[in-house]
Amino acid sequence: MVRKAAMLERTGGRGPRQRTWEAVRASKVTFSAQKIAAAIGVEKATAAKYLLRLERGGYIEAAPADRDTAQKHYRLVRDGGVEAPRLDANGAVITRTLGLENMWNTMHIMGTFTARELAMRSCTDTAQVTYATAKAYAFHLKRAGYLKALPQPRVGHNWKEAKYQLIPGKRTGPRPPIISVRKTLYDPNIDCVVWQEEPDRDAC
C-alpha cells in the first residue's frame, strides 16, 4: 500500500548551503561571511566555507568593504540561478546530481514523455542519464503522484513503452525531487518528504 509521509522538514532542502546562496543573491551591496551567517542563522565558519568554494568557482570575488572592517568582503559576479551551486573544495562543479536536475527540467519542457525519451533529452556534456535511471526516476515520481501514466495502445502482443505526463499541480519548483536510499521521495522545493514506501511488516 502506498501512503504519503507526514510533512517533515529535512536537512538538505534549504540547508546552510542553499540559504547561504540565497543570501548572496539577495545582497545588494558587498557582504562578508559574518554578515551572511548572521542573516541566515548559521555559524560563521559554515558560511565562510561555502563562500570560499564560491570564490574558487568564480561565482563571487573579493571586494572592498563598505566601511573599515577586518572582515573579508565579496560581491556576486556570476549568478547561476536559484539552485545553490554544488562545488567541491576547489570550486569545481559536482556533477553527480546534474542528471536529476536535467530530468526534472526536461519533464517540464516536454510535457509528455517515455523513460527512453527522458533519458535521451536529459543527457548533456556534463551529465549522462541512462535509460535505467530515467525509468526508475519516472517510476518513483508516478508512485508519489507527480506523474500520471497515459493510456498506450497495444502493438501485436506487446504494449508500447509507458508514456508519462507531469501533473500540473506537481510543478513545485525548479529543484528536482530526490529519491533516498530509504525509498522516500523528498521535494526540496517545499522542504518535505512527500512519499515513502510502506514498510514490509511481514518481514518483521
Protein backbone atom coordinates (compact mmCIF):
# COMPACT_ATOMS: atom_id res chain seq x y z
CA MET A 1 0.00 0.00 0.00
CA VAL A 2 1.30 3.43 -0.91
CA ARG A 3 0.93 6.19 1.61
CA LYS A 4 2.17 9.74 1.84
CA ALA A 5 4.52 10.70 4.63
CA ALA A 6 3.83 13.45 7.11
CA MET A 7 5.18 16.89 6.30
CA LEU A 8 8.72 16.56 7.62
CA GLU A 9 11.47 19.11 7.38
CA ARG A 10 14.72 17.58 6.22
CA THR A 11 18.28 18.86 6.27
CA GLY A 12 19.47 19.38 2.71
CA GLY A 13 16.34 21.13 1.44
CA ARG A 14 17.03 24.76 2.28
CA GLY A 15 20.05 23.83 4.31
CA PRO A 16 23.03 26.09 5.07
CA ARG A 17 24.41 25.93 1.52
CA GLN A 18 21.12 26.85 -0.14
CA ARG A 19 20.35 29.59 2.38
CA THR A 20 23.85 30.99 2.02
CA TRP A 21 23.45 31.15 -1.74
CA GLU A 22 20.04 32.83 -1.45
CA ALA A 23 21.53 35.45 0.90
CA VAL A 24 24.40 36.04 -1.53
CA ARG A 25 21.99 36.56 -4.43
CA ALA A 26 19.82 38.87 -2.33
CA SER A 27 22.74 41.08 -1.29
CA LYS A 28 22.59 44.47 -2.99
CA VAL A 29 25.99 45.51 -1.65
CA THR A 30 29.14 43.67 -0.66
CA PHE A 31 28.89 41.00 2.02
CA SER A 32 31.09 39.06 4.42
CA ALA A 33 30.86 35.59 5.92
CA GLN A 34 29.88 37.16 9.22
CA LYS A 35 27.06 39.16 7.63
CA ILE A 36 25.72 36.14 5.74
CA ALA A 37 25.95 33.91 8.82
CA ALA A 38 24.02 36.41 10.93
CA ALA A 39 21.36 36.81 8.25
CA ILE A 40 20.60 33.10 7.88
CA GLY A 41 21.37 31.86 11.39
CA VAL A 42 24.40 29.61 10.85
CA GLU A 43 27.94 29.54 12.22
CA LYS A 44 30.34 31.95 10.57
CA ALA A 45 32.69 29.05 9.72
CA THR A 46 29.88 27.29 7.84
CA ALA A 47 29.13 30.33 5.70
CA ALA A 48 32.83 31.04 5.18
CA LYS A 49 33.50 27.51 3.91
CA TYR A 50 30.85 27.75 1.21
CA LEU A 51 31.82 31.32 0.29
CA LEU A 52 35.38 30.10 -0.28
CA ARG A 53 34.08 27.46 -2.70
CA LEU A 54 32.01 30.08 -4.49
CA GLU A 55 35.06 32.31 -4.78
CA ARG A 56 37.21 29.49 -6.16
CA GLY A 57 34.40 28.59 -8.58
CA GLY A 58 34.22 32.14 -9.92
CA TYR A 59 30.75 32.96 -8.56
CA ILE A 60 31.92 35.68 -6.17
CA GLU A 61 35.07 37.76 -5.87
CA ALA A 62 36.80 39.76 -3.18
CA ALA A 63 35.60 43.35 -2.96
CA PRO A 64 36.38 46.44 -0.89
CA ALA A 65 34.38 46.66 2.31
CA ASP A 66 31.60 49.22 2.63
CA ARG A 67 33.35 50.54 5.74
CA ASP A 68 36.58 49.94 7.62
CA THR A 69 36.50 46.33 8.85
CA ALA A 70 38.81 43.38 9.24
CA GLN A 71 36.23 41.11 7.60
CA LYS A 72 36.87 39.95 4.03
CA HIS A 73 34.08 41.14 1.75
CA TYR A 74 32.75 39.75 -1.51
CA ARG A 75 30.43 40.63 -4.35
CA LEU A 76 28.44 38.39 -6.67
CA VAL A 77 29.88 38.25 -10.19
CA ARG A 78 28.21 35.13 -11.62
CA ASP A 79 24.60 34.30 -10.83
CA GLY A 80 23.93 30.62 -11.51
CA GLY A 81 20.21 30.75 -10.70
CA VAL A 82 18.06 29.76 -7.74
CA GLU A 83 19.78 26.44 -7.07
CA ALA A 84 22.93 26.72 -4.96
CA PRO A 85 25.97 25.60 -6.97
CA ARG A 86 27.26 22.24 -5.79
CA LEU A 87 31.00 22.73 -5.61
CA ASP A 88 33.91 20.76 -4.23
CA ALA A 89 36.67 22.30 -2.12
CA ASN A 90 38.44 23.54 -5.25
CA GLY A 91 35.32 25.25 -6.62
CA ALA A 92 34.67 22.61 -9.30
CA VAL A 93 31.06 21.67 -10.01
CA ILE A 94 29.96 18.34 -8.51
CA THR A 95 28.18 16.64 -11.41
CA ARG A 96 26.52 13.63 -9.77
CA THR A 97 23.22 15.48 -9.17
CA LEU A 98 23.06 17.19 -12.56
CA GLY A 99 21.24 14.22 -14.11
CA LEU A 100 18.31 14.66 -11.74
CA GLU A 101 18.17 18.38 -12.45
CA ASN A 102 18.24 17.72 -16.18
CA MET A 103 15.43 15.16 -15.98
CA TRP A 104 13.25 17.43 -13.83
CA ASN A 105 13.73 20.35 -16.23
CA THR A 106 13.14 18.10 -19.25
CA MET A 107 9.83 16.89 -17.81
CA HIS A 108 8.61 20.47 -17.62
CA ILE A 109 9.69 21.19 -21.18
CA MET A 110 8.43 18.02 -22.88
CA GLY A 111 5.07 17.70 -21.18
CA THR A 112 4.65 14.02 -22.10
CA PHE A 113 7.50 11.54 -22.47
CA THR A 114 8.66 7.96 -22.16
CA ALA A 115 11.58 6.99 -19.95
CA ARG A 116 13.69 6.46 -23.06
CA GLU A 117 12.85 9.93 -24.38
CA LEU A 118 13.54 11.41 -20.95
CA ALA A 119 16.98 9.82 -20.82
CA MET A 120 17.89 10.95 -24.33
CA ARG A 121 16.76 14.55 -23.80
CA SER A 122 18.41 14.83 -20.36
CA CYS A 123 21.94 13.92 -21.44
CA THR A 124 24.46 16.74 -21.69
CA ASP A 125 28.23 17.05 -21.94
CA THR A 126 28.44 17.23 -18.15
CA ALA A 127 25.76 14.68 -17.18
CA GLN A 128 24.84 11.34 -18.72
CA VAL A 129 21.41 9.87 -17.92
CA THR A 130 20.84 6.18 -18.66
CA TYR A 131 17.54 4.63 -19.64
CA ALA A 132 17.51 2.62 -16.38
CA THR A 133 17.99 5.79 -14.31
CA ALA A 134 15.23 7.67 -16.15
CA LYS A 135 12.88 4.68 -15.86
CA ALA A 136 13.45 4.38 -12.10
CA TYR A 137 13.02 8.12 -11.54
CA ALA A 138 9.78 8.24 -13.53
CA PHE A 139 8.52 5.15 -11.69
CA HIS A 140 9.06 6.71 -8.26
CA LEU A 141 7.59 10.07 -9.29
CA LYS A 142 4.49 8.25 -10.52
CA ARG A 143 4.16 6.38 -7.21
CA ALA A 144 4.44 9.71 -5.38
CA GLY A 145 1.69 11.27 -7.50
CA TYR A 146 3.91 13.62 -9.53
CA LEU A 147 3.40 11.83 -12.83
CA LYS A 148 0.49 10.06 -14.41
CA ALA A 149 0.73 7.26 -16.93
CA LEU A 150 -1.09 7.88 -20.19
CA PRO A 151 -3.05 5.08 -21.92
CA GLN A 152 -0.90 3.39 -24.56
CA PRO A 153 -2.14 1.21 -27.42
CA ARG A 154 -1.14 -2.42 -27.74
CA VAL A 155 1.04 -3.36 -30.70
CA GLY A 156 0.55 -7.03 -31.55
CA HIS A 157 1.15 -8.99 -28.37
CA ASN A 158 3.14 -6.19 -26.74
CA TRP A 159 2.29 -2.92 -25.08
CA LYS A 160 4.10 0.23 -26.13
CA GLU A 161 6.52 1.77 -23.66
CA ALA A 162 4.79 3.69 -20.87
CA LYS A 163 4.32 7.39 -21.52
CA TYR A 164 4.12 9.80 -18.62
CA GLN A 165 2.85 13.31 -18.02
CA LEU A 166 3.86 15.70 -15.25
CA ILE A 167 0.75 16.62 -13.28
CA PRO A 168 0.35 20.44 -13.41
CA GLY A 169 -0.24 20.77 -9.66
CA LYS A 170 3.06 18.99 -9.01
CA ARG A 171 5.25 21.58 -10.71
CA THR A 172 6.51 22.54 -7.29
CA GLY A 173 9.61 24.49 -8.29
CA PRO A 174 12.97 24.36 -10.03
CA ARG A 175 14.68 21.82 -7.78
CA PRO A 176 14.30 18.08 -8.55
CA PRO A 177 12.61 15.74 -6.05
CA ILE A 178 15.18 13.31 -4.66
CA ILE A 179 14.87 9.55 -4.08
CA SER A 180 16.71 8.47 -0.94
CA VAL A 181 18.28 5.10 -0.19
CA ARG A 182 15.39 4.54 2.23
CA LYS A 183 12.96 4.72 -0.67
CA THR A 184 11.45 8.05 0.21
CA LEU A 185 10.81 10.95 -2.15
CA TYR A 186 11.86 14.31 -0.82
CA ASP A 187 10.86 17.56 -2.55
CA PRO A 188 13.33 20.36 -1.71
CA ASN A 189 11.02 22.97 -3.25
CA ILE A 190 8.57 22.52 -0.38
CA ASP A 191 11.01 21.16 2.23
CA CYS A 192 9.26 17.89 2.93
CA VAL A 193 9.19 14.16 2.38
CA VAL A 194 6.18 13.73 0.09
CA TRP A 195 6.14 9.94 -0.16
CA GLN A 196 7.71 6.93 1.46
CA GLU A 197 7.38 3.24 0.79
CA GLU A 198 5.20 1.33 3.22
CA PRO A 199 7.35 -0.94 5.44
CA ASP A 200 7.17 -4.67 4.77
CA ARG A 201 5.58 -5.70 8.06
CA ASP A 202 5.51 -9.37 7.01
CA ALA A 203 9.29 -9.36 7.18
CA CYS A 204 9.27 -8.47 10.88
